[in-house]
């Protein structure tokens, strides 16, 4: 810890109380997968389904966060680690607020995802692996990044010249290649219902 002379102040209203008011259980849905795998698209679809169910949720998207909070970071391994450290802290705050929060980041390193999980109580961290073969991600290439990476115009690109460590035991494993966005999103919502994190309304 770099900051000195600070003291943690315990809040009077607890996480459980905030979640109870919202009639849900707070958790962090951590979407991980290659660029172009569909993380943001699926996370957005899940967020819409949760909204329809009158759940209190929020989505933290990787690109959006890099426009502000993490705008000073590049894509080196060191900056990727710091990117995920920061979003882990923000995610924890959202969970403390009693929300169902989603993060859609490549988050390529298992150690960083484990660090995010360690900040939360058991059952609150839900790793969602959007498992899409790199060949399909390259075919989609919605931002044209793979083409640039293959041409050597983008360095440290995950899956090309920077490693991606796939989850070994994700709570939710989505094989998105042969499923619609709606089917993928429903798989996440079904899990939340099965675990008692949200209720049928």
C-alpha atoms as a PDB file:
ATOM      1  CA  UNK A   1       0.000   0.000   0.000  1.00  0.00           C
ATOM      2  CA  UNK A   2       1.513   3.299  -1.113  1.00  0.00           C
ATOM      3  CA  UNK A   3      -0.871   5.699   0.611  1.00  0.00           C
ATOM      4  CA  UNK A   4       0.052   6.566   4.180  1.00  0.00           C
ATOM      5  CA  UNK A   5      -1.996   7.977   7.043  1.00  0.00           C
ATOM      6  CA  UNK A   6      -5.301   6.506   5.895  1.00  0.00           C
ATOM      7  CA  UNK A   7      -7.770   4.524   7.993  1.00  0.00           C
ATOM      8  CA  UNK A   8     -10.517   2.251   6.688  1.00  0.00           C
ATOM      9  CA  UNK A   9     -13.944   3.486   7.777  1.00  0.00           C
ATOM     10  CA  UNK A  10     -16.642   0.862   8.170  1.00  0.00           C
ATOM     11  CA  UNK A  11     -19.982   1.926   6.707  1.00  0.00           C
ATOM     12  CA  UNK A  12     -23.176   1.701   8.710  1.00  0.00           C
ATOM     13  CA  UNK A  13     -25.154   0.198   5.844  1.00  0.00           C
ATOM     14  CA  UNK A  14     -23.836  -3.235   4.919  1.00  0.00           C
ATOM     15  CA  UNK A  15     -23.500  -4.917   1.551  1.00  0.00           C
ATOM     16  CA  UNK A  16     -26.143  -7.454   2.585  1.00  0.00           C
ATOM     17  CA  UNK A  17     -28.581  -4.704   3.513  1.00  0.00           C
ATOM     18  CA  UNK A  18     -28.075  -2.928   0.206  1.00  0.00           C
ATOM     19  CA  UNK A  19     -28.584  -6.167  -1.726  1.00  0.00           C
ATOM     20  CA  UNK A  20     -31.659  -7.090   0.326  1.00  0.00           C
ATOM     21  CA  UNK A  21     -33.228  -3.734  -0.497  1.00  0.00           C
ATOM     22  CA  UNK A  22     -32.741  -4.581  -4.171  1.00  0.00           C
ATOM     23  CA  UNK A  23     -34.097  -8.139  -3.671  1.00  0.00           C
ATOM     24  CA  UNK A  24     -31.000  -9.765  -5.119  1.00  0.00           C
ATOM     25  CA  UNK A  25     -27.565 -10.975  -4.075  1.00  0.00           C
ATOM     26  CA  UNK A  26     -24.562  -8.932  -5.117  1.00  0.00           C
ATOM     27  CA  UNK A  27     -21.980 -10.584  -7.336  1.00  0.00           C
ATOM     28  CA  UNK A  28     -19.327  -9.899  -9.960  1.00  0.00           C
ATOM     29  CA  UNK A  29     -19.706 -11.522 -13.382  1.00  0.00           C
ATOM     30  CA  UNK A  30     -16.183 -11.554 -14.787  1.00  0.00           C
ATOM     31  CA  UNK A  31     -16.290 -12.099 -18.559  1.00  0.00           C
ATOM     32  CA  UNK A  32     -12.983 -13.175 -20.059  1.00  0.00           C
ATOM     33  CA  UNK A  33     -11.994 -14.266 -23.554  1.00  0.00           C
ATOM     34  CA  UNK A  34     -10.059 -13.225 -26.614  1.00  0.00           C
ATOM     35  CA  UNK A  35     -10.656  -9.981 -28.466  1.00  0.00           C
ATOM     36  CA  UNK A  36     -13.656 -10.536 -30.724  1.00  0.00           C
ATOM     37  CA  UNK A  37     -14.941 -13.475 -28.670  1.00  0.00           C
ATOM     38  CA  UNK A  38     -18.179 -11.654 -27.871  1.00  0.00           C
ATOM     39  CA  UNK A  39     -17.553 -10.629 -24.262  1.00  0.00           C
ATOM     40  CA  UNK A  40     -19.030  -7.140 -24.487  1.00  0.00           C
ATOM     41  CA  UNK A  41     -21.910  -8.211 -26.715  1.00  0.00           C
ATOM     42  CA  UNK A  42     -22.937 -11.048 -24.407  1.00  0.00           C
ATOM     43  CA  UNK A  43     -22.401  -8.988 -21.249  1.00  0.00           C
ATOM     44  CA  UNK A  44     -24.631  -6.260 -22.704  1.00  0.00           C
ATOM     45  CA  UNK A  45     -27.307  -8.819 -23.547  1.00  0.00           C
ATOM     46  CA  UNK A  46     -27.163 -10.193 -20.001  1.00  0.00           C
ATOM     47  CA  UNK A  47     -27.397  -6.684 -18.579  1.00  0.00           C
ATOM     48  CA  UNK A  48     -30.521  -6.068 -20.677  1.00  0.00           C
ATOM     49  CA  UNK A  49     -32.125  -9.293 -19.427  1.00  0.00           C
ATOM     50  CA  UNK A  50     -31.331  -8.336 -15.836  1.00  0.00           C
ATOM     51  CA  UNK A  51     -32.867  -4.912 -16.395  1.00  0.00           C
ATOM     52  CA  UNK A  52     -36.033  -6.557 -17.735  1.00  0.00           C
ATOM     53  CA  UNK A  53     -36.182  -8.538 -14.497  1.00  0.00           C
ATOM     54  CA  UNK A  54     -35.869  -5.280 -12.523  1.00  0.00           C
ATOM     55  CA  UNK A  55     -32.427  -6.282 -11.207  1.00  0.00           C
ATOM     56  CA  UNK A  56     -29.940  -3.606 -10.211  1.00  0.00           C
ATOM     57  CA  UNK A  57     -26.868  -4.150 -12.355  1.00  0.00           C
ATOM     58  CA  UNK A  58     -24.041  -2.328 -14.117  1.00  0.00           C
ATOM     59  CA  UNK A  59     -21.598  -3.239 -16.872  1.00  0.00           C
ATOM     60  CA  UNK A  60     -17.951  -2.147 -16.841  1.00  0.00           C
ATOM     61  CA  UNK A  61     -16.627  -2.581 -20.372  1.00  0.00           C
ATOM     62  CA  UNK A  62     -12.906  -2.806 -21.076  1.00  0.00           C
ATOM     63  CA  UNK A  63     -12.796  -0.235 -23.877  1.00  0.00           C
ATOM     64  CA  UNK A  64     -15.067   2.174 -22.016  1.00  0.00           C
ATOM     65  CA  UNK A  65     -12.948   2.052 -18.865  1.00  0.00           C
ATOM     66  CA  UNK A  66      -9.838   2.762 -20.941  1.00  0.00           C
ATOM     67  CA  UNK A  67     -11.484   6.011 -22.063  1.00  0.00           C
ATOM     68  CA  UNK A  68     -11.369   7.283 -18.493  1.00  0.00           C
ATOM     69  CA  UNK A  69     -10.142   5.515 -15.361  1.00  0.00           C
ATOM     70  CA  UNK A  70      -7.503   3.488 -17.210  1.00  0.00           C
ATOM     71  CA  UNK A  71      -6.805   5.945 -19.996  1.00  0.00           C
ATOM     72  CA  UNK A  72      -3.170   6.242 -18.921  1.00  0.00           C
ATOM     73  CA  UNK A  73      -2.421   2.552 -19.507  1.00  0.00           C
ATOM     74  CA  UNK A  74      -1.066   0.816 -22.580  1.00  0.00           C
ATOM     75  CA  UNK A  75      -1.152  -2.879 -23.480  1.00  0.00           C
ATOM     76  CA  UNK A  76       2.152  -4.173 -22.152  1.00  0.00           C
ATOM     77  CA  UNK A  77       1.911  -7.097 -19.721  1.00  0.00           C
ATOM     78  CA  UNK A  78       2.606  -4.688 -16.847  1.00  0.00           C
ATOM     79  CA  UNK A  79      -0.132  -2.298 -17.930  1.00  0.00           C
ATOM     80  CA  UNK A  80      -2.578  -5.164 -18.420  1.00  0.00           C
ATOM     81  CA  UNK A  81      -1.935  -6.276 -14.834  1.00  0.00           C
ATOM     82  CA  UNK A  82      -2.558  -2.749 -13.545  1.00  0.00           C
ATOM     83  CA  UNK A  83      -5.656  -2.450 -15.723  1.00  0.00           C
ATOM     84  CA  UNK A  84      -7.160  -5.528 -14.095  1.00  0.00           C
ATOM     85  CA  UNK A  85      -6.018  -4.531 -10.588  1.00  0.00           C
ATOM     86  CA  UNK A  86      -7.884  -1.257 -10.890  1.00  0.00           C
ATOM     87  CA  UNK A  87     -11.034  -2.803 -12.281  1.00  0.00           C
ATOM     88  CA  UNK A  88     -10.927  -5.444  -9.532  1.00  0.00           C
ATOM     89  CA  UNK A  89     -11.050  -2.658  -6.958  1.00  0.00           C
ATOM     90  CA  UNK A  90     -13.884  -0.895  -8.776  1.00  0.00           C
ATOM     91  CA  UNK A  91     -15.776  -4.174  -9.127  1.00  0.00           C
ATOM     92  CA  UNK A  92     -15.472  -4.768  -5.397  1.00  0.00           C
ATOM     93  CA  UNK A  93     -16.974  -1.331  -4.712  1.00  0.00           C
ATOM     94  CA  UNK A  94     -19.925  -2.076  -6.993  1.00  0.00           C
ATOM     95  CA  UNK A  95     -20.509  -5.393  -5.223  1.00  0.00           C
ATOM     96  CA  UNK A  96     -20.354  -3.572  -1.877  1.00  0.00           C
ATOM     97  CA  UNK A  97     -23.125  -1.356  -3.239  1.00  0.00           C
ATOM     98  CA  UNK A  98     -25.293  -4.470  -3.612  1.00  0.00           C
ATOM     99  CA  UNK A  99     -25.182  -4.590  -7.403  1.00  0.00           C
ATOM    100  CA  UNK A 100     -24.793  -7.377  -9.924  1.00  0.00           C
ATOM    101  CA  UNK A 101     -21.781  -5.989 -11.757  1.00  0.00           C
ATOM    102  CA  UNK A 102     -20.298  -7.303 -14.992  1.00  0.00           C
ATOM    103  CA  UNK A 103     -16.784  -6.704 -16.281  1.00  0.00           C
ATOM    104  CA  UNK A 104     -15.944  -7.413 -19.922  1.00  0.00           C
ATOM    105  CA  UNK A 105     -12.145  -7.466 -20.200  1.00  0.00           C
ATOM    106  CA  UNK A 106      -9.769  -9.812 -21.976  1.00  0.00           C
ATOM    107  CA  UNK A 107      -7.954 -10.191 -18.611  1.00  0.00           C
ATOM    108  CA  UNK A 108      -5.500 -12.695 -20.112  1.00  0.00           C
ATOM    109  CA  UNK A 109      -3.681 -13.808 -16.962  1.00  0.00           C
ATOM    110  CA  UNK A 110      -5.059 -16.330 -14.472  1.00  0.00           C
ATOM    111  CA  UNK A 111      -3.203 -14.708 -11.582  1.00  0.00           C
ATOM    112  CA  UNK A 112      -4.975 -11.395 -12.177  1.00  0.00           C
ATOM    113  CA  UNK A 113      -8.395 -13.046 -12.307  1.00  0.00           C
ATOM    114  CA  UNK A 114      -7.541 -14.931  -9.119  1.00  0.00           C
ATOM    115  CA  UNK A 115      -6.621 -11.632  -7.462  1.00  0.00           C
ATOM    116  CA  UNK A 116     -10.009 -10.194  -8.435  1.00  0.00           C
ATOM    117  CA  UNK A 117     -11.723 -13.257  -6.994  1.00  0.00           C
ATOM    118  CA  UNK A 118      -9.765 -13.000  -3.749  1.00  0.00           C
ATOM    119  CA  UNK A 119     -11.242  -9.575  -3.022  1.00  0.00           C
ATOM    120  CA  UNK A 120     -14.763 -10.984  -2.769  1.00  0.00           C
ATOM    121  CA  UNK A 121     -16.599 -13.421  -0.537  1.00  0.00           C
ATOM    122  CA  UNK A 122     -17.067 -17.027  -1.728  1.00  0.00           C
ATOM    123  CA  UNK A 123     -19.723 -17.216  -4.431  1.00  0.00           C
ATOM    124  CA  UNK A 124     -19.562 -13.517  -5.305  1.00  0.00           C
ATOM    125  CA  UNK A 125     -16.959 -13.870  -8.076  1.00  0.00           C
ATOM    126  CA  UNK A 126     -18.326 -15.630 -11.147  1.00  0.00           C
ATOM    127  CA  UNK A 127     -15.848 -16.275 -13.935  1.00  0.00           C
ATOM    128  CA  UNK A 128     -17.581 -16.353 -17.332  1.00  0.00           C
ATOM    129  CA  UNK A 129     -15.330 -17.809 -20.020  1.00  0.00           C
ATOM    130  CA  UNK A 130     -16.438 -16.782 -23.499  1.00  0.00           C
ATOM    131  CA  UNK A 131     -14.726 -19.636 -25.304  1.00  0.00           C
ATOM    132  CA  UNK A 132     -14.405 -18.665 -28.949  1.00  0.00           C
ATOM    133  CA  UNK A 133     -11.640 -20.120 -31.174  1.00  0.00           C
ATOM    134  CA  UNK A 134      -9.141 -17.524 -32.329  1.00  0.00           C
ATOM    135  CA  UNK A 135      -9.959 -18.423 -35.946  1.00  0.00           C
ATOM    136  CA  UNK A 136     -13.528 -17.232 -35.447  1.00  0.00           C
ATOM    137  CA  UNK A 137     -12.375 -14.140 -33.539  1.00  0.00           C
ATOM    138  CA  UNK A 138     -10.137 -13.277 -36.489  1.00  0.00           C
ATOM    139  CA  UNK A 139     -12.968 -13.838 -38.961  1.00  0.00           C
ATOM    140  CA  UNK A 140     -15.140 -11.443 -36.994  1.00  0.00           C
ATOM    141  CA  UNK A 141     -12.361  -8.945 -36.234  1.00  0.00           C
ATOM    142  CA  UNK A 142     -14.938  -6.191 -35.531  1.00  0.00           C
ATOM    143  CA  UNK A 143     -12.281  -3.554 -34.843  1.00  0.00           C
ATOM    144  CA  UNK A 144      -9.751  -4.718 -37.443  1.00  0.00           C
ATOM    145  CA  UNK A 145      -7.229  -5.369 -34.681  1.00  0.00           C
ATOM    146  CA  UNK A 146      -6.176  -8.889 -35.667  1.00  0.00           C
ATOM    147  CA  UNK A 147      -5.336  -7.698 -39.157  1.00  0.00           C
ATOM    148  CA  UNK A 148      -3.172  -4.935 -37.711  1.00  0.00           C
ATOM    149  CA  UNK A 149      -1.549  -7.320 -35.228  1.00  0.00           C
ATOM    150  CA  UNK A 150      -0.736  -9.851 -37.964  1.00  0.00           C
ATOM    151  CA  UNK A 151       0.846  -7.020 -39.948  1.00  0.00           C
ATOM    152  CA  UNK A 152       2.996  -6.094 -36.961  1.00  0.00           C
ATOM    153  CA  UNK A 153       1.294  -2.719 -36.526  1.00  0.00           C
ATOM    154  CA  UNK A 154      -0.025  -3.583 -33.050  1.00  0.00           C
ATOM    155  CA  UNK A 155       2.335  -5.068 -30.483  1.00  0.00           C
ATOM    156  CA  UNK A 156       1.454  -7.145 -27.391  1.00  0.00           C
ATOM    157  CA  UNK A 157      -1.837  -8.304 -28.904  1.00  0.00           C
ATOM    158  CA  UNK A 158      -3.457 -11.134 -26.944  1.00  0.00           C
ATOM    159  CA  UNK A 159      -3.519 -14.405 -28.840  1.00  0.00           C
ATOM    160  CA  UNK A 160      -0.947 -13.224 -31.392  1.00  0.00           C
ATOM    161  CA  UNK A 161       2.212 -12.097 -29.592  1.00  0.00           C
ATOM    162  CA  UNK A 162       0.904 -11.934 -26.027  1.00  0.00           C
ATOM    163  CA  UNK A 163      -0.364 -14.942 -24.092  1.00  0.00           C
ATOM    164  CA  UNK A 164      -3.960 -15.702 -23.123  1.00  0.00           C
ATOM    165  CA  UNK A 165      -4.346 -18.087 -20.200  1.00  0.00           C
ATOM    166  CA  UNK A 166      -7.775 -19.660 -20.505  1.00  0.00           C
ATOM    167  CA  UNK A 167      -9.745 -20.313 -17.296  1.00  0.00           C
ATOM    168  CA  UNK A 168      -9.337 -23.825 -15.947  1.00  0.00           C
ATOM    169  CA  UNK A 169     -12.547 -24.045 -13.916  1.00  0.00           C
ATOM    170  CA  UNK A 170     -14.879 -21.163 -14.811  1.00  0.00           C
ATOM    171  CA  UNK A 171     -18.251 -21.044 -13.098  1.00  0.00           C
ATOM    172  CA  UNK A 172     -19.847 -20.425 -16.508  1.00  0.00           C
ATOM    173  CA  UNK A 173     -18.303 -21.813 -19.697  1.00  0.00           C
ATOM    174  CA  UNK A 174     -19.891 -20.474 -22.864  1.00  0.00           C
ATOM    175  CA  UNK A 175     -18.991 -22.030 -26.205  1.00  0.00           C
ATOM    176  CA  UNK A 176     -20.152 -19.098 -28.271  1.00  0.00           C
ATOM    177  CA  UNK A 177     -19.180 -20.330 -31.732  1.00  0.00           C
ATOM    178  CA  UNK A 178     -22.411 -22.291 -32.237  1.00  0.00           C
ATOM    179  CA  UNK A 179     -24.794 -20.261 -30.073  1.00  0.00           C
ATOM    180  CA  UNK A 180     -26.700 -17.051 -30.602  1.00  0.00           C
ATOM    181  CA  UNK A 181     -26.044 -14.045 -28.396  1.00  0.00           C
ATOM    182  CA  UNK A 182     -29.475 -14.612 -26.844  1.00  0.00           C
ATOM    183  CA  UNK A 183     -28.652 -18.231 -25.973  1.00  0.00           C
ATOM    184  CA  UNK A 184     -25.330 -17.213 -24.440  1.00  0.00           C
ATOM    185  CA  UNK A 185     -26.951 -14.482 -22.359  1.00  0.00           C
ATOM    186  CA  UNK A 186     -29.699 -16.821 -21.175  1.00  0.00           C
ATOM    187  CA  UNK A 187     -27.060 -19.310 -20.008  1.00  0.00           C
ATOM    188  CA  UNK A 188     -25.665 -16.657 -17.667  1.00  0.00           C
ATOM    189  CA  UNK A 189     -29.077 -15.631 -16.350  1.00  0.00           C
ATOM    190  CA  UNK A 190     -30.041 -19.284 -15.796  1.00  0.00           C
ATOM    191  CA  UNK A 191     -26.908 -19.724 -13.680  1.00  0.00           C
ATOM    192  CA  UNK A 192     -27.781 -16.695 -11.551  1.00  0.00           C
ATOM    193  CA  UNK A 193     -31.272 -18.090 -10.954  1.00  0.00           C
ATOM    194  CA  UNK A 194     -29.935 -21.585 -10.148  1.00  0.00           C
ATOM    195  CA  UNK A 195     -27.513 -20.118  -7.589  1.00  0.00           C
ATOM    196  CA  UNK A 196     -30.256 -18.059  -5.945  1.00  0.00           C
ATOM    197  CA  UNK A 197     -28.561 -14.767  -6.798  1.00  0.00           C
ATOM    198  CA  UNK A 198     -31.659 -13.476  -8.547  1.00  0.00           C
ATOM    199  CA  UNK A 199     -35.268 -14.620  -8.284  1.00  0.00           C
ATOM    200  CA  UNK A 200     -37.907 -15.202 -10.910  1.00  0.00           C
ATOM    201  CA  UNK A 201     -40.185 -12.163 -11.199  1.00  0.00           C
END
